[in-house]
């Protein structure tokens, strides 16, 4: 049985991949995102397949702990999908708008990627 962890599973590509993996069978899926209601609905659709952890990738102190907790509940991770991301139009070139994008798409992404690389290197696979 494959164990898949999807970060950014509350909408878009992440949610779509979670549902596709669930249809394939013989898989356990850890889903992570910041919107608890969306994760709850996803888990309710296939409680035998999904495990959820609420965490915002911009919270880089809580994020590695949440990833470890979810990986543990899955019994390990074979595949990690990093699908969280954001972006807004910013015609006024307001840095505050860009800051949110940077915190999610650069800092949060890097935090997850660093965790995943260490995790898979320590396991010797993934």
PDB file of N, CA and C in Angstrom:
ATOM      1  N   UNK A   1       0.849  -1.172   0.000  1.00  0.00           N
ATOM      2  CA  UNK A   1       0.000   0.000   0.000  1.00  0.00           C
ATOM      3  C   UNK A   1       0.899   1.240   0.000  1.00  0.00           C
ATOM      4  N   UNK A   2       0.640   2.140  -0.932  1.00  0.00           N
ATOM      5  CA  UNK A   2       1.371   3.414  -0.998  1.00  0.00           C
ATOM      6  C   UNK A   2       0.786   4.387   0.007  1.00  0.00           C
ATOM      7  N   UNK A   3       1.675   5.199   0.564  1.00  0.00           N
ATOM      8  CA  UNK A   3       1.275   6.259   1.487  1.00  0.00           C
ATOM      9  C   UNK A   3       1.681   7.582   0.870  1.00  0.00           C
ATOM     10  N   UNK A   4       0.672   8.408   0.605  1.00  0.00           N
ATOM     11  CA  UNK A   4       0.869   9.680  -0.090  1.00  0.00           C
ATOM     12  C   UNK A   4       0.526  10.818   0.867  1.00  0.00           C
ATOM     13  N   UNK A   5       1.382  11.820   0.924  1.00  0.00           N
ATOM     14  CA  UNK A   5       1.112  13.006   1.724  1.00  0.00           C
ATOM     15  C   UNK A   5       0.992  14.184   0.759  1.00  0.00           C
ATOM     16  N   UNK A   6      -0.140  14.867   0.806  1.00  0.00           N
ATOM     17  CA  UNK A   6      -0.399  15.991  -0.095  1.00  0.00           C
ATOM     18  C   UNK A   6      -0.541  17.271   0.724  1.00  0.00           C
ATOM     19  N   UNK A   7       0.373  18.199   0.499  1.00  0.00           N
ATOM     20  CA  UNK A   7       0.341  19.503   1.152  1.00  0.00           C
ATOM     21  C   UNK A   7      -0.345  20.473   0.193  1.00  0.00           C
ATOM     22  N   UNK A   8      -1.387  21.131   0.665  1.00  0.00           N
ATOM     23  CA  UNK A   8      -2.172  22.014  -0.196  1.00  0.00           C
ATOM     24  C   UNK A   8      -3.352  21.263  -0.785  1.00  0.00           C
ATOM     25  N   UNK A   9      -3.997  20.433   0.039  1.00  0.00           N
ATOM     26  CA  UNK A   9      -5.055  19.544  -0.451  1.00  0.00           C
ATOM     27  C   UNK A   9      -6.459  20.105  -0.288  1.00  0.00           C
ATOM     28  N   UNK A  10      -6.595  21.390   0.030  1.00  0.00           N
ATOM     29  CA  UNK A  10      -7.938  21.926   0.269  1.00  0.00           C
ATOM     30  C   UNK A  10      -8.581  22.535  -0.968  1.00  0.00           C
ATOM     31  N   UNK A  11      -7.856  22.569  -2.084  1.00  0.00           N
ATOM     32  CA  UNK A  11      -8.453  23.073  -3.327  1.00  0.00           C
ATOM     33  C   UNK A  11      -7.533  22.755  -4.495  1.00  0.00           C
ATOM     34  N   UNK A  12      -8.015  23.038  -5.675  1.00  0.00           N
ATOM     35  CA  UNK A  12      -7.206  22.967  -6.888  1.00  0.00           C
ATOM     36  C   UNK A  12      -6.557  21.625  -7.150  1.00  0.00           C
ATOM     37  N   UNK A  13      -5.318  21.671  -7.606  1.00  0.00           N
ATOM     38  CA  UNK A  13      -4.584  20.472  -7.993  1.00  0.00           C
ATOM     39  C   UNK A  13      -4.410  19.521  -6.813  1.00  0.00           C
ATOM     40  N   UNK A  14      -4.096  20.047  -5.638  1.00  0.00           N
ATOM     41  CA  UNK A  14      -3.898  19.191  -4.471  1.00  0.00           C
ATOM     42  C   UNK A  14      -5.135  18.387  -4.126  1.00  0.00           C
ATOM     43  N   UNK A  15      -6.280  19.039  -4.094  1.00  0.00           N
ATOM     44  CA  UNK A  15      -7.524  18.328  -3.794  1.00  0.00           C
ATOM     45  C   UNK A  15      -7.847  17.335  -4.906  1.00  0.00           C
ATOM     46  N   UNK A  16      -7.656  17.759  -6.150  1.00  0.00           N
ATOM     47  CA  UNK A  16      -7.929  16.864  -7.279  1.00  0.00           C
ATOM     48  C   UNK A  16      -7.062  15.614  -7.238  1.00  0.00           C
ATOM     49  N   UNK A  17      -5.770  15.782  -6.936  1.00  0.00           N
ATOM     50  CA  UNK A  17      -4.878  14.624  -6.837  1.00  0.00           C
ATOM     51  C   UNK A  17      -5.270  13.712  -5.681  1.00  0.00           C
ATOM     52  N   UNK A  18      -5.675  14.302  -4.568  1.00  0.00           N
ATOM     53  CA  UNK A  18      -6.113  13.494  -3.428  1.00  0.00           C
ATOM     54  C   UNK A  18      -7.287  12.606  -3.840  1.00  0.00           C
ATOM     55  N   UNK A  19      -8.237  13.177  -4.544  1.00  0.00           N
ATOM     56  CA  UNK A  19      -9.405  12.399  -4.974  1.00  0.00           C
ATOM     57  C   UNK A  19      -9.019  11.335  -6.007  1.00  0.00           C
ATOM     58  N   UNK A  20      -8.114  11.671  -6.917  1.00  0.00           N
ATOM     59  CA  UNK A  20      -7.658  10.685  -7.905  1.00  0.00           C
ATOM     60  C   UNK A  20      -6.911   9.529  -7.256  1.00  0.00           C
ATOM     61  N   UNK A  21      -6.005   9.840  -6.343  1.00  0.00           N
ATOM     62  CA  UNK A  21      -5.295   8.774  -5.631  1.00  0.00           C
ATOM     63  C   UNK A  21      -6.282   7.886  -4.879  1.00  0.00           C
ATOM     64  N   UNK A  22      -7.294   8.488  -4.254  1.00  0.00           N
ATOM     65  CA  UNK A  22      -8.280   7.715  -3.491  1.00  0.00           C
ATOM     66  C   UNK A  22      -9.040   6.743  -4.389  1.00  0.00           C
ATOM     67  N   UNK A  23      -9.318   7.141  -5.621  1.00  0.00           N
ATOM     68  CA  UNK A  23     -10.031   6.272  -6.561  1.00  0.00           C
ATOM     69  C   UNK A  23      -9.193   5.072  -6.979  1.00  0.00           C
ATOM     70  N   UNK A  24      -7.873   5.227  -6.972  1.00  0.00           N
ATOM     71  CA  UNK A  24      -6.977   4.156  -7.418  1.00  0.00           C
ATOM     72  C   UNK A  24      -6.973   2.970  -6.473  1.00  0.00           C
ATOM     73  N   UNK A  25      -7.266   3.205  -5.208  1.00  0.00           N
ATOM     74  CA  UNK A  25      -7.286   2.122  -4.230  1.00  0.00           C
ATOM     75  C   UNK A  25      -5.896   1.769  -3.733  1.00  0.00           C
ATOM     76  N   UNK A  26      -5.872   0.944  -2.694  1.00  0.00           N
ATOM     77  CA  UNK A  26      -4.637   0.496  -2.061  1.00  0.00           C
ATOM     78  C   UNK A  26      -3.675   1.639  -1.784  1.00  0.00           C
ATOM     79  N   UNK A  27      -4.221   2.695  -1.187  1.00  0.00           N
ATOM     80  CA  UNK A  27      -3.429   3.873  -0.862  1.00  0.00           C
ATOM     81  C   UNK A  27      -3.977   4.485   0.426  1.00  0.00           C
ATOM     82  N   UNK A  28      -3.079   5.022   1.216  1.00  0.00           N
ATOM     83  CA  UNK A  28      -3.450   5.810   2.388  1.00  0.00           C
ATOM     84  C   UNK A  28      -2.957   7.219   2.099  1.00  0.00           C
ATOM     85  N   UNK A  29      -3.806   8.222   2.302  1.00  0.00           N
ATOM     86  CA  UNK A  29      -3.473   9.588   1.898  1.00  0.00           C
ATOM     87  C   UNK A  29      -3.562  10.529   3.082  1.00  0.00           C
ATOM     88  N   UNK A  30      -2.466  11.208   3.340  1.00  0.00           N
ATOM     89  CA  UNK A  30      -2.445  12.277   4.322  1.00  0.00           C
ATOM     90  C   UNK A  30      -2.669  13.589   3.598  1.00  0.00           C
ATOM     91  N   UNK A  31      -3.651  14.338   4.022  1.00  0.00           N
ATOM     92  CA  UNK A  31      -3.960  15.614   3.390  1.00  0.00           C
ATOM     93  C   UNK A  31      -3.726  16.735   4.389  1.00  0.00           C
ATOM     94  N   UNK A  32      -3.098  17.795   3.904  1.00  0.00           N
ATOM     95  CA  UNK A  32      -2.774  18.928   4.761  1.00  0.00           C
ATOM     96  C   UNK A  32      -3.172  20.216   4.056  1.00  0.00           C
ATOM     97  N   UNK A  33      -3.677  21.151   4.833  1.00  0.00           N
ATOM     98  CA  UNK A  33      -4.035  22.462   4.321  1.00  0.00           C
ATOM     99  C   UNK A  33      -4.459  23.344   5.473  1.00  0.00           C
ATOM    100  N   UNK A  34      -4.754  24.582   5.167  1.00  0.00           N
ATOM    101  CA  UNK A  34      -5.100  25.535   6.222  1.00  0.00           C
ATOM    102  C   UNK A  34      -6.597  25.623   6.476  1.00  0.00           C
ATOM    103  N   UNK A  35      -7.412  25.099   5.556  1.00  0.00           N
ATOM    104  CA  UNK A  35      -8.865  25.213   5.696  1.00  0.00           C
ATOM    105  C   UNK A  35      -9.446  23.920   6.276  1.00  0.00           C
ATOM    106  N   UNK A  36      -9.716  23.949   7.565  1.00  0.00           N
ATOM    107  CA  UNK A  36     -10.154  22.737   8.265  1.00  0.00           C
ATOM    108  C   UNK A  36     -11.470  22.182   7.729  1.00  0.00           C
ATOM    109  N   UNK A  37     -12.392  23.053   7.369  1.00  0.00           N
ATOM    110  CA  UNK A  37     -13.672  22.587   6.845  1.00  0.00           C
ATOM    111  C   UNK A  37     -13.515  21.803   5.551  1.00  0.00           C
ATOM    112  N   UNK A  38     -12.642  22.267   4.678  1.00  0.00           N
ATOM    113  CA  UNK A  38     -12.395  21.575   3.402  1.00  0.00           C
ATOM    114  C   UNK A  38     -11.734  20.215   3.648  1.00  0.00           C
ATOM    115  N   UNK A  39     -10.804  20.173   4.602  1.00  0.00           N
ATOM    116  CA  UNK A  39     -10.164  18.888   4.928  1.00  0.00           C
ATOM    117  C   UNK A  39     -11.171  17.916   5.537  1.00  0.00           C
ATOM    118  N   UNK A  40     -12.037  18.434   6.396  1.00  0.00           N
ATOM    119  CA  UNK A  40     -13.056  17.601   7.021  1.00  0.00           C
ATOM    120  C   UNK A  40     -13.983  16.997   5.965  1.00  0.00           C
ATOM    121  N   UNK A  41     -14.397  17.801   4.992  1.00  0.00           N
ATOM    122  CA  UNK A  41     -15.261  17.302   3.914  1.00  0.00           C
ATOM    123  C   UNK A  41     -14.544  16.244   3.080  1.00  0.00           C
ATOM    124  N   UNK A  42     -13.278  16.490   2.774  1.00  0.00           N
ATOM    125  CA  UNK A  42     -12.507  15.533   1.986  1.00  0.00           C
ATOM    126  C   UNK A  42     -12.393  14.204   2.731  1.00  0.00           C
ATOM    127  N   UNK A  43     -12.078  14.271   4.007  1.00  0.00           N
ATOM    128  CA  UNK A  43     -11.945  13.047   4.802  1.00  0.00           C
ATOM    129  C   UNK A  43     -13.276  12.305   4.926  1.00  0.00           C
ATOM    130  N   UNK A  44     -14.358  13.049   5.027  1.00  0.00           N
ATOM    131  CA  UNK A  44     -15.680  12.424   5.140  1.00  0.00           C
ATOM    132  C   UNK A  44     -16.042  11.650   3.874  1.00  0.00           C
ATOM    133  N   UNK A  45     -15.484  12.065   2.740  1.00  0.00           N
ATOM    134  CA  UNK A  45     -15.796  11.378   1.482  1.00  0.00           C
ATOM    135  C   UNK A  45     -15.174   9.985   1.416  1.00  0.00           C
ATOM    136  N   UNK A  46     -14.070   9.766   2.113  1.00  0.00           N
ATOM    137  CA  UNK A  46     -13.384   8.468   2.143  1.00  0.00           C
ATOM    138  C   UNK A  46     -12.630   8.315   3.456  1.00  0.00           C
ATOM    139  N   UNK A  47     -13.353   8.129   4.569  1.00  0.00           N
ATOM    140  CA  UNK A  47     -12.680   8.053   5.870  1.00  0.00           C
ATOM    141  C   UNK A  47     -11.709   6.878   5.981  1.00  0.00           C
ATOM    142  N   UNK A  48     -11.865   5.882   5.143  1.00  0.00           N
ATOM    143  CA  UNK A  48     -10.970   4.728   5.145  1.00  0.00           C
ATOM    144  C   UNK A  48      -9.631   5.031   4.478  1.00  0.00           C
ATOM    145  N   UNK A  49      -9.559   6.142   3.751  1.00  0.00           N
ATOM    146  CA  UNK A  49      -8.377   6.471   2.964  1.00  0.00           C
ATOM    147  C   UNK A  49      -7.631   7.686   3.514  1.00  0.00           C
ATOM    148  N   UNK A  50      -8.371   8.706   3.938  1.00  0.00           N
ATOM    149  CA  UNK A  50      -7.757   9.986   4.273  1.00  0.00           C
ATOM    150  C   UNK A  50      -7.446  10.160   5.757  1.00  0.00           C
ATOM    151  N   UNK A  51      -6.305  10.778   6.021  1.00  0.00           N
ATOM    152  CA  UNK A  51      -5.912  11.311   7.326  1.00  0.00           C
ATOM    153  C   UNK A  51      -5.629  12.786   7.098  1.00  0.00           C
ATOM    154  N   UNK A  52      -6.068  13.656   7.998  1.00  0.00           N
ATOM    155  CA  UNK A  52      -5.901  15.096   7.784  1.00  0.00           C
ATOM    156  C   UNK A  52      -5.103  15.750   8.893  1.00  0.00           C
ATOM    157  N   UNK A  53      -4.440  16.808   8.518  1.00  0.00           N
ATOM    158  CA  UNK A  53      -3.711  17.661   9.465  1.00  0.00           C
ATOM    159  C   UNK A  53      -3.887  19.093   8.991  1.00  0.00           C
ATOM    160  N   UNK A  54      -4.442  19.932   9.854  1.00  0.00           N
ATOM    161  CA  UNK A  54      -4.620  21.343   9.528  1.00  0.00           C
ATOM    162  C   UNK A  54      -3.316  22.076   9.839  1.00  0.00           C
ATOM    163  N   UNK A  55      -2.781  22.764   8.850  1.00  0.00           N
ATOM    164  CA  UNK A  55      -1.588  23.573   9.048  1.00  0.00           C
ATOM    165  C   UNK A  55      -1.434  24.508   7.855  1.00  0.00           C
ATOM    166  N   UNK A  56      -1.026  25.713   8.125  1.00  0.00           N
ATOM    167  CA  UNK A  56      -0.756  26.707   7.094  1.00  0.00           C
ATOM    168  C   UNK A  56       0.743  26.672   6.804  1.00  0.00           C
ATOM    169  N   UNK A  57       1.137  26.547   5.544  1.00  0.00           N
ATOM    170  CA  UNK A  57       2.560  26.449   5.210  1.00  0.00           C
ATOM    171  C   UNK A  57       3.337  27.701   5.581  1.00  0.00           C
ATOM    172  N   UNK A  58       2.649  28.805   5.836  1.00  0.00           N
ATOM    173  CA  UNK A  58       3.375  30.012   6.240  1.00  0.00           C
ATOM    174  C   UNK A  58       3.785  29.964   7.715  1.00  0.00           C
ATOM    175  N   UNK A  59       3.266  29.014   8.460  1.00  0.00           N
ATOM    176  CA  UNK A  59       3.656  28.828   9.857  1.00  0.00           C
ATOM    177  C   UNK A  59       4.817  27.838   9.893  1.00  0.00           C
ATOM    178  N   UNK A  60       6.001  28.340   9.586  1.00  0.00           N
ATOM    179  CA  UNK A  60       7.163  27.461   9.394  1.00  0.00           C
ATOM    180  C   UNK A  60       7.669  26.831  10.687  1.00  0.00           C
ATOM    181  N   UNK A  61       7.201  27.277  11.830  1.00  0.00           N
ATOM    182  CA  UNK A  61       7.566  26.600  13.085  1.00  0.00           C
ATOM    183  C   UNK A  61       6.654  25.405  13.328  1.00  0.00           C
ATOM    184  N   UNK A  62       5.378  25.540  13.045  1.00  0.00           N
ATOM    185  CA  UNK A  62       4.427  24.449  13.249  1.00  0.00           C
ATOM    186  C   UNK A  62       4.484  23.424  12.118  1.00  0.00           C
ATOM    187  N   UNK A  63       4.886  23.848  10.948  1.00  0.00           N
ATOM    188  CA  UNK A  63       4.821  22.996   9.759  1.00  0.00           C
ATOM    189  C   UNK A  63       5.611  21.696   9.879  1.00  0.00           C
ATOM    190  N   UNK A  64       6.884  21.700  10.251  1.00  0.00           N
ATOM    191  CA  UNK A  64       7.609  20.425  10.358  1.00  0.00           C
ATOM    192  C   UNK A  64       6.997  19.471  11.389  1.00  0.00           C
ATOM    193  N   UNK A  65       6.476  20.024  12.475  1.00  0.00           N
ATOM    194  CA  UNK A  65       5.831  19.211  13.505  1.00  0.00           C
ATOM    195  C   UNK A  65       4.568  18.571  12.927  1.00  0.00           C
ATOM    196  N   UNK A  66       3.778  19.348  12.205  1.00  0.00           N
ATOM    197  CA  UNK A  66       2.549  18.832  11.593  1.00  0.00           C
ATOM    198  C   UNK A  66       2.866  17.766  10.545  1.00  0.00           C
ATOM    199  N   UNK A  67       3.914  17.982   9.755  1.00  0.00           N
ATOM    200  CA  UNK A  67       4.309  16.987   8.754  1.00  0.00           C
ATOM    201  C   UNK A  67       4.720  15.675   9.423  1.00  0.00           C
ATOM    202  N   UNK A  68       5.495  15.761  10.484  1.00  0.00           N
ATOM    203  CA  UNK A  68       5.913  14.561  11.226  1.00  0.00           C
ATOM    204  C   UNK A  68       4.704  13.827  11.798  1.00  0.00           C
ATOM    205  N   UNK A  69       3.789  14.593  12.369  1.00  0.00           N
ATOM    206  CA  UNK A  69       2.597  13.991  12.977  1.00  0.00           C
ATOM    207  C   UNK A  69       1.772  13.243  11.930  1.00  0.00           C
ATOM    208  N   UNK A  70       1.578  13.868  10.777  1.00  0.00           N
ATOM    209  CA  UNK A  70       0.786  13.236   9.721  1.00  0.00           C
ATOM    210  C   UNK A  70       1.523  12.031   9.138  1.00  0.00           C
ATOM    211  N   UNK A  71       2.817  12.160   8.918  1.00  0.00           N
ATOM    212  CA  UNK A  71       3.606  11.030   8.406  1.00  0.00           C
ATOM    213  C   UNK A  71       3.531   9.848   9.369  1.00  0.00           C
ATOM    214  N   UNK A  72       3.577  10.121  10.650  1.00  0.00           N
ATOM    215  CA  UNK A  72       3.483   9.068  11.656  1.00  0.00           C
ATOM    216  C   UNK A  72       2.129   8.372  11.609  1.00  0.00           C
ATOM    217  N   UNK A  73       1.059   9.149  11.493  1.00  0.00           N
ATOM    218  CA  UNK A  73      -0.282   8.554  11.421  1.00  0.00           C
ATOM    219  C   UNK A  73      -0.471   7.713  10.168  1.00  0.00           C
ATOM    220  N   UNK A  74       0.243   8.063   9.095  1.00  0.00           N
ATOM    221  CA  UNK A  74       0.169   7.272   7.862  1.00  0.00           C
ATOM    222  C   UNK A  74       1.008   5.998   7.954  1.00  0.00           C
ATOM    223  N   UNK A  75       1.915   5.951   8.921  1.00  0.00           N
ATOM    224  CA  UNK A  75       2.843   4.832   9.001  1.00  0.00           C
ATOM    225  C   UNK A  75       4.017   5.006   8.062  1.00  0.00           C
ATOM    226  N   UNK A  76       4.274   6.247   7.659  1.00  0.00           N
ATOM    227  CA  UNK A  76       5.359   6.568   6.735  1.00  0.00           C
ATOM    228  C   UNK A  76       4.816   7.256   5.497  1.00  0.00           C
ATOM    229  N   UNK A  77       5.731   7.744   4.677  1.00  0.00           N
ATOM    230  CA  UNK A  77       5.358   8.440   3.436  1.00  0.00           C
ATOM    231  C   UNK A  77       6.209   7.876   2.297  1.00  0.00           C
ATOM    232  N   UNK A  78       5.560   7.517   1.213  1.00  0.00           N
ATOM    233  CA  UNK A  78       6.253   7.064   0.001  1.00  0.00           C
ATOM    234  C   UNK A  78       6.329   8.164  -1.038  1.00  0.00           C
ATOM    235  N   UNK A  79       5.291   8.989  -1.089  1.00  0.00           N
ATOM    236  CA  UNK A  79       5.181  10.059  -2.089  1.00  0.00           C
ATOM    237  C   UNK A  79       4.712  11.320  -1.389  1.00  0.00           C
ATOM    238  N   UNK A  80       5.377  12.436  -1.669  1.00  0.00           N
ATOM    239  CA  UNK A  80       4.926  13.724  -1.156  1.00  0.00           C
ATOM    240  C   UNK A  80       4.596  14.619  -2.344  1.00  0.00           C
ATOM    241  N   UNK A  81       3.398  15.191  -2.312  1.00  0.00           N
ATOM    242  CA  UNK A  81       2.968  16.149  -3.327  1.00  0.00           C
ATOM    243  C   UNK A  81       2.879  17.507  -2.655  1.00  0.00           C
ATOM    244  N   UNK A  82       3.629  18.453  -3.181  1.00  0.00           N
ATOM    245  CA  UNK A  82       3.647  19.810  -2.622  1.00  0.00           C
ATOM    246  C   UNK A  82       2.879  20.720  -3.563  1.00  0.00           C
ATOM    247  N   UNK A  83       1.623  20.988  -3.199  1.00  0.00           N
ATOM    248  CA  UNK A  83       0.723  21.684  -4.100  1.00  0.00           C
ATOM    249  C   UNK A  83       0.171  22.980  -3.527  1.00  0.00           C
ATOM    250  N   UNK A  84       0.683  23.420  -2.406  1.00  0.00           N
ATOM    251  CA  UNK A  84       0.164  24.676  -1.857  1.00  0.00           C
ATOM    252  C   UNK A  84       0.737  25.845  -2.648  1.00  0.00           C
ATOM    253  N   UNK A  85      -0.066  26.856  -2.827  1.00  0.00           N
ATOM    254  CA  UNK A  85       0.394  28.031  -3.562  1.00  0.00           C
ATOM    255  C   UNK A  85      -0.695  29.088  -3.601  1.00  0.00           C
ATOM    256  N   UNK A  86      -0.260  30.311  -3.853  1.00  0.00           N
ATOM    257  CA  UNK A  86      -1.200  31.419  -3.918  1.00  0.00           C
ATOM    258  C   UNK A  86      -0.661  32.471  -4.880  1.00  0.00           C
ATOM    259  N   UNK A  87      -1.496  33.378  -5.248  1.00  0.00           N
ATOM    260  CA  UNK A  87      -1.089  34.496  -6.091  1.00  0.00           C
ATOM    261  C   UNK A  87      -2.260  35.428  -6.312  1.00  0.00           C
ATOM    262  N   UNK A  88      -1.977  36.706  -6.278  1.00  0.00           N
ATOM    263  CA  UNK A  88      -3.010  37.721  -6.483  1.00  0.00           C
ATOM    264  C   UNK A  88      -2.518  38.740  -7.495  1.00  0.00           C
ATOM    265  N   UNK A  89      -3.449  39.308  -8.242  1.00  0.00           N
ATOM    266  CA  UNK A  89      -3.092  40.433  -9.095  1.00  0.00           C
ATOM    267  C   UNK A  89      -2.709  41.594  -8.203  1.00  0.00           C
ATOM    268  N   UNK A  90      -1.734  42.372  -8.630  1.00  0.00           N
ATOM    269  CA  UNK A  90      -1.239  43.455  -7.789  1.00  0.00           C
ATOM    270  C   UNK A  90      -0.867  44.656  -8.657  1.00  0.00           C
ATOM    271  N   UNK A  91      -1.866  45.294  -9.308  1.00  0.00           N
ATOM    272  CA  UNK A  91      -1.554  46.405 -10.204  1.00  0.00           C
ATOM    273  C   UNK A  91      -0.942  47.618  -9.495  1.00  0.00           C
ATOM    274  N   UNK A  92      -1.192  47.759  -8.184  1.00  0.00           N
ATOM    275  CA  UNK A  92      -0.600  48.882  -7.439  1.00  0.00           C
ATOM    276  C   UNK A  92       0.811  48.568  -6.955  1.00  0.00           C
ATOM    277  N   UNK A  93       1.270  47.335  -7.195  1.00  0.00           N
ATOM    278  CA  UNK A  93       2.596  46.898  -6.758  1.00  0.00           C
ATOM    279  C   UNK A  93       2.792  47.105  -5.254  1.00  0.00           C
ATOM    280  N   UNK A  94       1.786  46.682  -4.510  1.00  0.00           N
ATOM    281  CA  UNK A  94       1.804  46.773  -3.055  1.00  0.00           C
ATOM    282  C   UNK A  94       2.567  45.574  -2.498  1.00  0.00           C
ATOM    283  N   UNK A  95       3.660  45.830  -1.794  1.00  0.00           N
ATOM    284  CA  UNK A  95       4.495  44.749  -1.294  1.00  0.00           C
ATOM    285  C   UNK A  95       3.743  43.827  -0.332  1.00  0.00           C
ATOM    286  N   UNK A  96       2.794  44.348   0.423  1.00  0.00           N
ATOM    287  CA  UNK A  96       2.038  43.504   1.358  1.00  0.00           C
ATOM    288  C   UNK A  96       1.341  42.366   0.622  1.00  0.00           C
ATOM    289  N   UNK A  97       0.864  42.628  -0.576  1.00  0.00           N
ATOM    290  CA  UNK A  97       0.231  41.593  -1.394  1.00  0.00           C
ATOM    291  C   UNK A  97       1.281  40.551  -1.794  1.00  0.00           C
ATOM    292  N   UNK A  98       2.436  41.019  -2.207  1.00  0.00           N
ATOM    293  CA  UNK A  98       3.509  40.113  -2.623  1.00  0.00           C
ATOM    294  C   UNK A  98       4.040  39.297  -1.443  1.00  0.00           C
ATOM    295  N   UNK A  99       4.035  39.889  -0.262  1.00  0.00           N
ATOM    296  CA  UNK A  99       4.556  39.206   0.921  1.00  0.00           C
ATOM    297  C   UNK A  99       3.800  37.911   1.187  1.00  0.00           C
ATOM    298  N   UNK A 100       2.493  37.936   1.055  1.00  0.00           N
ATOM    299  CA  UNK A 100       1.685  36.727   1.253  1.00  0.00           C
ATOM    300  C   UNK A 100       2.092  35.647   0.249  1.00  0.00           C
ATOM    301  N   UNK A 101       2.282  36.048  -0.995  1.00  0.00           N
ATOM    302  CA  UNK A 101       2.693  35.099  -2.031  1.00  0.00           C
ATOM    303  C   UNK A 101       4.066  34.528  -1.715  1.00  0.00           C
ATOM    304  N   UNK A 102       4.993  35.374  -1.323  1.00  0.00           N
ATOM    305  CA  UNK A 102       6.343  34.910  -0.978  1.00  0.00           C
ATOM    306  C   UNK A 102       6.322  33.974   0.229  1.00  0.00           C
ATOM    307  N   UNK A 103       5.553  34.330   1.250  1.00  0.00           N
ATOM    308  CA  UNK A 103       5.480  33.486   2.442  1.00  0.00           C
ATOM    309  C   UNK A 103       4.958  32.097   2.120  1.00  0.00           C
ATOM    310  N   UNK A 104       4.009  32.013   1.207  1.00  0.00           N
ATOM    311  CA  UNK A 104       3.429  30.724   0.828  1.00  0.00           C
ATOM    312  C   UNK A 104       4.274  30.002  -0.202  1.00  0.00           C
ATOM    313  N   UNK A 105       4.551  30.661  -1.320  1.00  0.00           N
ATOM    314  CA  UNK A 105       5.150  29.996  -2.480  1.00  0.00           C
ATOM    315  C   UNK A 105       6.659  29.828  -2.398  1.00  0.00           C
ATOM    316  N   UNK A 106       7.308  30.591  -1.557  1.00  0.00           N
ATOM    317  CA  UNK A 106       8.769  30.474  -1.431  1.00  0.00           C
ATOM    318  C   UNK A 106       9.136  29.923  -0.055  1.00  0.00           C
ATOM    319  N   UNK A 107       8.787  30.647   1.007  1.00  0.00           N
ATOM    320  CA  UNK A 107       9.201  30.234   2.340  1.00  0.00           C
ATOM    321  C   UNK A 107       8.514  28.935   2.768  1.00  0.00           C
ATOM    322  N   UNK A 108       7.202  28.871   2.649  1.00  0.00           N
ATOM    323  CA  UNK A 108       6.472  27.652   3.021  1.00  0.00           C
ATOM    324  C   UNK A 108       6.862  26.469   2.157  1.00  0.00           C
ATOM    325  N   UNK A 109       6.974  26.711   0.846  1.00  0.00           N
ATOM    326  CA  UNK A 109       7.366  25.648  -0.087  1.00  0.00           C
ATOM    327  C   UNK A 109       8.730  25.088   0.300  1.00  0.00           C
ATOM    328  N   UNK A 110       9.673  25.987   0.599  1.00  0.00           N
ATOM    329  CA  UNK A 110      11.026  25.564   0.952  1.00  0.00           C
ATOM    330  C   UNK A 110      11.029  24.774   2.253  1.00  0.00           C
ATOM    331  N   UNK A 111      10.233  25.192   3.224  1.00  0.00           N
ATOM    332  CA  UNK A 111      10.147  24.483   4.493  1.00  0.00           C
ATOM    333  C   UNK A 111       9.655  23.048   4.274  1.00  0.00           C
ATOM    334  N   UNK A 112       8.633  22.866   3.461  1.00  0.00           N
ATOM    335  CA  UNK A 112       8.120  21.523   3.171  1.00  0.00           C
ATOM    336  C   UNK A 112       9.165  20.714   2.398  1.00  0.00           C
ATOM    337  N   UNK A 113       9.771  21.333   1.386  1.00  0.00           N
ATOM    338  CA  UNK A 113      10.767  20.626   0.583  1.00  0.00           C
ATOM    339  C   UNK A 113      11.955  20.192   1.438  1.00  0.00           C
ATOM    340  N   UNK A 114      12.428  21.056   2.317  1.00  0.00           N
ATOM    341  CA  UNK A 114      13.530  20.693   3.211  1.00  0.00           C
ATOM    342  C   UNK A 114      13.151  19.511   4.097  1.00  0.00           C
ATOM    343  N   UNK A 115      11.949  19.571   4.661  1.00  0.00           N
ATOM    344  CA  UNK A 115      11.483  18.466   5.507  1.00  0.00           C
ATOM    345  C   UNK A 115      11.447  17.164   4.702  1.00  0.00           C
ATOM    346  N   UNK A 116      10.881  17.228   3.501  1.00  0.00           N
ATOM    347  CA  UNK A 116      10.720  16.027   2.671  1.00  0.00           C
ATOM    348  C   UNK A 116      12.073  15.430   2.281  1.00  0.00           C
ATOM    349  N   UNK A 117      12.999  16.266   1.894  1.00  0.00           N
ATOM    350  CA  UNK A 117      14.318  15.764   1.503  1.00  0.00           C
ATOM    351  C   UNK A 117      14.974  15.060   2.681  1.00  0.00           C
ATOM    352  N   UNK A 118      14.971  15.675   3.850  1.00  0.00           N
ATOM    353  CA  UNK A 118      15.548  15.030   5.044  1.00  0.00           C
ATOM    354  C   UNK A 118      14.819  13.730   5.356  1.00  0.00           C
ATOM    355  N   UNK A 119      13.496  13.752   5.289  1.00  0.00           N
ATOM    356  CA  UNK A 119      12.687  12.573   5.603  1.00  0.00           C
ATOM    357  C   UNK A 119      13.049  11.414   4.672  1.00  0.00           C
ATOM    358  N   UNK A 120      13.056  11.675   3.368  1.00  0.00           N
ATOM    359  CA  UNK A 120      13.333  10.609   2.408  1.00  0.00           C
ATOM    360  C   UNK A 120      14.791  10.164   2.449  1.00  0.00           C
ATOM    361  N   UNK A 121      15.710  11.079   2.676  1.00  0.00           N
ATOM    362  CA  UNK A 121      17.115  10.694   2.810  1.00  0.00           C
ATOM    363  C   UNK A 121      17.318   9.797   4.022  1.00  0.00           C
ATOM    364  N   UNK A 122      16.691  10.121   5.131  1.00  0.00           N
ATOM    365  CA  UNK A 122      16.807   9.289   6.341  1.00  0.00           C
ATOM    366  C   UNK A 122      16.215   7.902   6.135  1.00  0.00           C
ATOM    367  N   UNK A 123      15.186   7.785   5.317  1.00  0.00           N
ATOM    368  CA  UNK A 123      14.567   6.492   5.024  1.00  0.00           C
ATOM    369  C   UNK A 123      15.289   5.747   3.910  1.00  0.00           C
ATOM    370  N   UNK A 124      16.047   6.481   3.102  1.00  0.00           N
ATOM    371  CA  UNK A 124      16.726   5.855   1.973  1.00  0.00           C
ATOM    372  C   UNK A 124      15.810   5.555   0.810  1.00  0.00           C
ATOM    373  N   UNK A 125      14.659   6.186   0.786  1.00  0.00           N
ATOM    374  CA  UNK A 125      13.702   6.000  -0.310  1.00  0.00           C
ATOM    375  C   UNK A 125      12.637   7.072  -0.260  1.00  0.00           C
ATOM    376  N   UNK A 126      11.857   7.155  -1.327  1.00  0.00           N
ATOM    377  CA  UNK A 126      10.750   8.114  -1.388  1.00  0.00           C
ATOM    378  C   UNK A 126      10.882   9.004  -2.585  1.00  0.00           C
TER     379      UNK A 126
END
